[in-house]
Amino acid sequence: MPGGLLIHPFYSPNILSLFSIAFAMLVLIWALKIKNQ
């Protein structure tokens, strides 16, 4: 969101990147569990 980026120029991108990395790791773990079954 542009407003959030203007208010917190350093805080918002870091939170978004952390969420994206955590989501990607969860998807990888889920995919490995499906393959093992």
PDB file of N, CA and C in Angstrom:
ATOM      1  N   MET A   1       0.845  -1.196   0.000  1.00  0.00           N
ATOM      2  CA  MET A   1       0.000   0.000   0.000  1.00  0.00           C
ATOM      3  C   MET A   1       0.885   1.251   0.000  1.00  0.00           C
ATOM      4  N   PRO A   2       0.647   2.179  -0.916  1.00  0.00           N
ATOM      5  CA  PRO A   2       1.494   3.374  -1.004  1.00  0.00           C
ATOM      6  C   PRO A   2       1.472   4.197   0.281  1.00  0.00           C
ATOM      7  N   GLY A   3       0.294   4.357   0.906  1.00  0.00           N
ATOM      8  CA  GLY A   3       0.199   5.140   2.140  1.00  0.00           C
ATOM      9  C   GLY A   3       1.072   4.547   3.229  1.00  0.00           C
ATOM     10  N   GLY A   4       1.016   3.221   3.384  1.00  0.00           N
ATOM     11  CA  GLY A   4       1.827   2.564   4.405  1.00  0.00           C
ATOM     12  C   GLY A   4       3.313   2.736   4.115  1.00  0.00           C
ATOM     13  N   LEU A   5       3.682   2.673   2.824  1.00  0.00           N
ATOM     14  CA  LEU A   5       5.093   2.821   2.477  1.00  0.00           C
ATOM     15  C   LEU A   5       5.567   4.241   2.770  1.00  0.00           C
ATOM     16  N   LEU A   6       4.681   5.233   2.559  1.00  0.00           N
ATOM     17  CA  LEU A   6       5.070   6.614   2.828  1.00  0.00           C
ATOM     18  C   LEU A   6       5.204   6.843   4.332  1.00  0.00           C
ATOM     19  N   ILE A   7       4.305   6.228   5.123  1.00  0.00           N
ATOM     20  CA  ILE A   7       4.349   6.423   6.574  1.00  0.00           C
ATOM     21  C   ILE A   7       5.527   5.656   7.173  1.00  0.00           C
ATOM     22  N   HIS A   8       5.723   4.408   6.744  1.00  0.00           N
ATOM     23  CA  HIS A   8       6.807   3.568   7.271  1.00  0.00           C
ATOM     24  C   HIS A   8       7.665   3.074   6.094  1.00  0.00           C
ATOM     25  N   PRO A   9       8.557   3.897   5.579  1.00  0.00           N
ATOM     26  CA  PRO A   9       9.317   3.525   4.382  1.00  0.00           C
ATOM     27  C   PRO A   9      10.245   2.333   4.604  1.00  0.00           C
ATOM     28  N   PHE A  10      10.706   2.135   5.844  1.00  0.00           N
ATOM     29  CA  PHE A  10      11.631   1.029   6.098  1.00  0.00           C
ATOM     30  C   PHE A  10      10.924  -0.160   6.737  1.00  0.00           C
ATOM     31  N   TYR A  11       9.823   0.105   7.451  1.00  0.00           N
ATOM     32  CA  TYR A  11       9.174  -0.954   8.226  1.00  0.00           C
ATOM     33  C   TYR A  11       8.325  -1.864   7.340  1.00  0.00           C
ATOM     34  N   SER A  12       7.511  -1.278   6.469  1.00  0.00           N
ATOM     35  CA  SER A  12       6.562  -2.079   5.692  1.00  0.00           C
ATOM     36  C   SER A  12       7.248  -3.090   4.754  1.00  0.00           C
ATOM     37  N   PRO A  13       8.260  -2.695   3.967  1.00  0.00           N
ATOM     38  CA  PRO A  13       8.893  -3.675   3.061  1.00  0.00           C
ATOM     39  C   PRO A  13       9.501  -4.847   3.823  1.00  0.00           C
ATOM     40  N   ASN A  14      10.083  -4.591   5.010  1.00  0.00           N
ATOM     41  CA  ASN A  14      10.685  -5.680   5.772  1.00  0.00           C
ATOM     42  C   ASN A  14       9.613  -6.676   6.220  1.00  0.00           C
ATOM     43  N   ILE A  15       8.469  -6.155   6.689  1.00  0.00           N
ATOM     44  CA  ILE A  15       7.386  -7.039   7.124  1.00  0.00           C
ATOM     45  C   ILE A  15       6.874  -7.845   5.933  1.00  0.00           C
ATOM     46  N   LEU A  16       6.705  -7.202   4.780  1.00  0.00           N
ATOM     47  CA  LEU A  16       6.198  -7.917   3.604  1.00  0.00           C
ATOM     48  C   LEU A  16       7.171  -8.999   3.177  1.00  0.00           C
ATOM     49  N   SER A  17       8.467  -8.704   3.205  1.00  0.00           N
ATOM     50  CA  SER A  17       9.447  -9.712   2.790  1.00  0.00           C
ATOM     51  C   SER A  17       9.467 -10.865   3.779  1.00  0.00           C
ATOM     52  N   LEU A  18       9.336 -10.579   5.083  1.00  0.00           N
ATOM     53  CA  LEU A  18       9.311 -11.656   6.075  1.00  0.00           C
ATOM     54  C   LEU A  18       8.095 -12.549   5.850  1.00  0.00           C
ATOM     55  N   PHE A  19       6.927 -11.949   5.591  1.00  0.00           N
ATOM     56  CA  PHE A  19       5.729 -12.751   5.350  1.00  0.00           C
ATOM     57  C   PHE A  19       5.885 -13.601   4.093  1.00  0.00           C
ATOM     58  N   SER A  20       6.473 -13.030   3.042  1.00  0.00           N
ATOM     59  CA  SER A  20       6.633 -13.790   1.793  1.00  0.00           C
ATOM     60  C   SER A  20       7.606 -14.950   1.987  1.00  0.00           C
ATOM     61  N   ILE A  21       8.685 -14.727   2.736  1.00  0.00           N
ATOM     62  CA  ILE A  21       9.653 -15.803   2.980  1.00  0.00           C
ATOM     63  C   ILE A  21       9.008 -16.898   3.826  1.00  0.00           C
ATOM     64  N   ALA A  22       8.273 -16.507   4.869  1.00  0.00           N
ATOM     65  CA  ALA A  22       7.616 -17.501   5.727  1.00  0.00           C
ATOM     66  C   ALA A  22       6.595 -18.294   4.924  1.00  0.00           C
ATOM     67  N   PHE A  23       5.836 -17.630   4.055  1.00  0.00           N
ATOM     68  CA  PHE A  23       4.832 -18.318   3.245  1.00  0.00           C
ATOM     69  C   PHE A  23       5.493 -19.296   2.291  1.00  0.00           C
ATOM     70  N   ALA A  24       6.601 -18.884   1.686  1.00  0.00           N
ATOM     71  CA  ALA A  24       7.305 -19.768   0.756  1.00  0.00           C
ATOM     72  C   ALA A  24       7.830 -21.007   1.485  1.00  0.00           C
ATOM     73  N   MET A  25       8.355 -20.827   2.700  1.00  0.00           N
ATOM     74  CA  MET A  25       8.857 -21.967   3.468  1.00  0.00           C
ATOM     75  C   MET A  25       7.711 -22.908   3.842  1.00  0.00           C
ATOM     76  N   LEU A  26       6.563 -22.340   4.212  1.00  0.00           N
ATOM     77  CA  LEU A  26       5.411 -23.184   4.550  1.00  0.00           C
ATOM     78  C   LEU A  26       4.972 -23.990   3.333  1.00  0.00           C
ATOM     79  N   VAL A  27       4.965 -23.371   2.157  1.00  0.00           N
ATOM     80  CA  VAL A  27       4.569 -24.087   0.941  1.00  0.00           C
ATOM     81  C   VAL A  27       5.557 -25.210   0.646  1.00  0.00           C
ATOM     82  N   LEU A  28       6.853 -24.948   0.835  1.00  0.00           N
ATOM     83  CA  LEU A  28       7.865 -25.988   0.581  1.00  0.00           C
ATOM     84  C   LEU A  28       7.673 -27.161   1.538  1.00  0.00           C
ATOM     85  N   ILE A  29       7.465 -26.882   2.816  1.00  0.00           N
ATOM     86  CA  ILE A  29       7.265 -27.957   3.806  1.00  0.00           C
ATOM     87  C   ILE A  29       6.012 -28.756   3.455  1.00  0.00           C
ATOM     88  N   TRP A  30       4.929 -28.035   3.069  1.00  0.00           N
ATOM     89  CA  TRP A  30       3.677 -28.718   2.735  1.00  0.00           C
ATOM     90  C   TRP A  30       3.873 -29.621   1.516  1.00  0.00           C
ATOM     91  N   ALA A  31       4.601 -29.130   0.523  1.00  0.00           N
ATOM     92  CA  ALA A  31       4.847 -29.920  -0.688  1.00  0.00           C
ATOM     93  C   ALA A  31       5.664 -31.170  -0.360  1.00  0.00           C
ATOM     94  N   LEU A  32       6.664 -31.038   0.516  1.00  0.00           N
ATOM     95  CA  LEU A  32       7.471 -32.197   0.901  1.00  0.00           C
ATOM     96  C   LEU A  32       6.618 -33.227   1.637  1.00  0.00           C
ATOM     97  N   LYS A  33       5.711 -32.751   2.501  1.00  0.00           N
ATOM     98  CA  LYS A  33       4.844 -33.694   3.218  1.00  0.00           C
ATOM     99  C   LYS A  33       3.948 -34.443   2.239  1.00  0.00           C
ATOM    100  N   ILE A  34       3.415 -33.749   1.239  1.00  0.00           N
ATOM    101  CA  ILE A  34       2.553 -34.399   0.244  1.00  0.00           C
ATOM    102  C   ILE A  34       3.367 -35.432  -0.542  1.00  0.00           C
ATOM    103  N   LYS A  35       4.602 -35.092  -0.896  1.00  0.00           N
ATOM    104  CA  LYS A  35       5.427 -36.040  -1.660  1.00  0.00           C
ATOM    105  C   LYS A  35       5.730 -37.283  -0.820  1.00  0.00           C
ATOM    106  N   ASN A  36       6.015 -37.104   0.461  1.00  0.00           N
ATOM    107  CA  ASN A  36       6.361 -38.248   1.308  1.00  0.00           C
ATOM    108  C   ASN A  36       5.166 -39.186   1.495  1.00  0.00           C
ATOM    109  N   GLN A  37       3.968 -38.629   1.471  1.00  0.00           N
ATOM    110  CA  GLN A  37       2.785 -39.487   1.606  1.00  0.00           C
ATOM    111  C   GLN A  37       2.511 -40.180   0.284  1.00  0.00           C
TER     112      GLN A  37
END
